[in-house]
Every structure is written in C-alpha cells, then in structure tokens.
Amino acid sequence: MSNVPKVCFDRILPKDLRRFSRSPSAARGGPTRMAVLRSKKWPNGSVLRVRFLEGTSDQREQVRAIAPQWSEFANLRFLFNDAQDAEIRIAFEDKGSWS
C-alpha cells in the first residue's frame, strides 16, 4: 500500500477550454458567503453538458449510471454529449485529480 497522498486541486485550463460564468450573481461581484467562489457555482436548475475526454466504455457507463444521484441533492441535471465547450469534462488519468 502506498503512502503517497492523493490531492484534488484546481487545474488551470488552457484558454480554449475556459468558459465564462453563466451565473448572473457571479458577474456582479461582491462578497462571498462561503468558501466557494460564486463564479465556480452553477445556477439552480442548470442542465450541465458532460463530455468524456477519454476512458473505456465501462468507465463511461459507470459515470453515466452514478451521475444522476447528484441530481437528487444538487438541483442540477446532466446531459452527456461531445460538446467542445461542455461545463464538465471527464478524464481518467492515473496520476492526478482536479476540479
């Protein structure tokens, strides 16, 4: 068993993968109310497009099967497609985790 810690971190995306916030409250600025930047939040009821960057068909199916459970708690829905500007992009690289 390895003692190497696994850490999740914000990944700095290349410019072609960045997108502007859709949240009107994020555009206005102002103070945050918790330890999350408002520009990192999606508005309630959003439909988020999900794109796989890689992965086997089994890995993709596992994600598709589990993802709807988030909808029960987060007031979000997921649309799996190949949109280049998808809000959620999923990779299955062995070395690293990021949000």
Protein backbone atom coordinates (compact mmCIF):
# COMPACT_ATOMS: atom_id res chain seq x y z
CA MET A 1 0.00 0.00 0.00
CA SER A 2 1.37 3.40 -0.96
CA ASN A 3 1.59 6.31 1.45
CA VAL A 4 1.51 8.84 -1.38
CA PRO A 5 -1.33 11.30 -0.68
CA LYS A 6 -3.93 11.85 -3.39
CA VAL A 7 -4.80 15.51 -3.70
CA CYS A 8 -7.55 17.23 -5.68
CA PHE A 9 -6.65 20.68 -6.99
CA ASP A 10 -7.96 23.36 -9.34
CA ARG A 11 -6.49 22.76 -12.75
CA ILE A 12 -5.53 25.81 -14.80
CA LEU A 13 -7.20 25.20 -18.12
CA PRO A 14 -5.85 26.29 -21.50
CA LYS A 15 -7.68 29.32 -22.90
CA ASP A 16 -9.59 27.24 -25.46
CA LEU A 17 -11.17 25.17 -22.66
CA ARG A 18 -12.12 28.07 -20.39
CA ARG A 19 -15.61 29.49 -20.35
CA PHE A 20 -17.24 32.48 -18.76
CA SER A 21 -19.53 32.08 -15.76
CA ARG A 22 -23.23 31.73 -16.57
CA SER A 23 -24.20 32.86 -13.09
CA PRO A 24 -25.60 36.43 -13.05
CA SER A 25 -24.60 36.81 -9.40
CA ALA A 26 -21.00 35.96 -10.26
CA ALA A 27 -20.89 38.71 -12.87
CA ARG A 28 -21.94 41.37 -10.33
CA GLY A 29 -19.10 40.60 -7.93
CA GLY A 30 -19.42 41.29 -4.24
CA PRO A 31 -18.63 39.25 -1.16
CA THR A 32 -18.82 35.50 -0.99
CA ARG A 33 -20.90 33.78 1.67
CA MET A 34 -18.90 30.60 1.96
CA ALA A 35 -15.57 29.11 1.00
CA VAL A 36 -16.59 28.80 -2.65
CA LEU A 37 -16.20 31.48 -5.26
CA ARG A 38 -19.57 32.33 -6.78
CA SER A 39 -18.06 32.21 -10.23
CA LYS A 40 -17.48 28.48 -9.62
CA LYS A 41 -21.18 27.77 -8.95
CA TRP A 42 -23.88 26.86 -11.45
CA PRO A 43 -27.36 28.40 -11.08
CA ASN A 44 -30.05 26.15 -9.55
CA GLY A 45 -31.79 24.00 -12.12
CA SER A 46 -28.92 24.14 -14.62
CA VAL A 47 -28.50 21.46 -17.25
CA LEU A 48 -24.79 20.71 -17.41
CA ARG A 49 -23.25 19.22 -20.51
CA VAL A 50 -20.80 16.42 -19.75
CA ARG A 51 -18.08 15.36 -22.17
CA PHE A 52 -15.68 12.44 -21.81
CA LEU A 53 -12.13 13.29 -22.87
CA GLU A 54 -11.07 9.65 -22.68
CA GLY A 55 -11.93 6.40 -20.93
CA THR A 56 -13.17 2.93 -21.72
CA SER A 57 -16.82 2.24 -22.42
CA ASP A 58 -17.08 0.58 -18.98
CA GLN A 59 -15.67 3.68 -17.23
CA ARG A 60 -18.05 5.95 -19.12
CA GLU A 61 -21.06 3.76 -18.31
CA GLN A 62 -20.18 3.76 -14.61
CA VAL A 63 -20.12 7.56 -14.59
CA ARG A 64 -23.41 7.77 -16.53
CA ALA A 65 -25.03 5.38 -14.05
CA ILE A 66 -23.86 7.24 -10.91
CA ALA A 67 -24.08 10.89 -12.05
CA PRO A 68 -27.89 11.18 -11.71
CA GLN A 69 -27.55 10.61 -7.96
CA TRP A 70 -26.08 14.13 -7.75
CA SER A 71 -29.32 15.49 -9.20
CA GLU A 72 -31.18 14.38 -6.07
CA PHE A 73 -29.15 16.79 -3.94
CA ALA A 74 -27.75 19.49 -6.21
CA ASN A 75 -30.77 20.62 -8.30
CA LEU A 76 -28.74 20.03 -11.47
CA ARG A 77 -29.26 17.77 -14.48
CA PHE A 78 -26.62 16.20 -16.69
CA LEU A 79 -26.63 15.92 -20.47
CA PHE A 80 -23.90 13.61 -21.77
CA ASN A 81 -22.67 14.68 -25.21
CA ASP A 82 -19.50 15.65 -27.10
CA ALA A 83 -19.89 19.45 -26.87
CA GLN A 84 -16.47 21.10 -27.11
CA ASP A 85 -17.49 23.72 -24.53
CA ALA A 86 -19.13 21.28 -22.07
CA GLU A 87 -19.26 22.54 -18.48
CA ILE A 88 -17.94 19.20 -17.19
CA ARG A 89 -15.10 17.38 -18.92
CA ILE A 90 -14.10 13.96 -17.58
CA ALA A 91 -10.73 12.23 -17.90
CA PHE A 92 -9.49 9.02 -16.31
CA GLU A 93 -5.76 9.71 -15.98
CA ASP A 94 -3.99 7.62 -13.35
CA LYS A 95 -1.80 10.36 -11.92
CA GLY A 96 -3.88 13.23 -10.64
CA SER A 97 -7.27 14.56 -9.68
CA TRP A 98 -8.57 18.07 -10.20
CA SER A 99 -11.77 20.06 -10.21
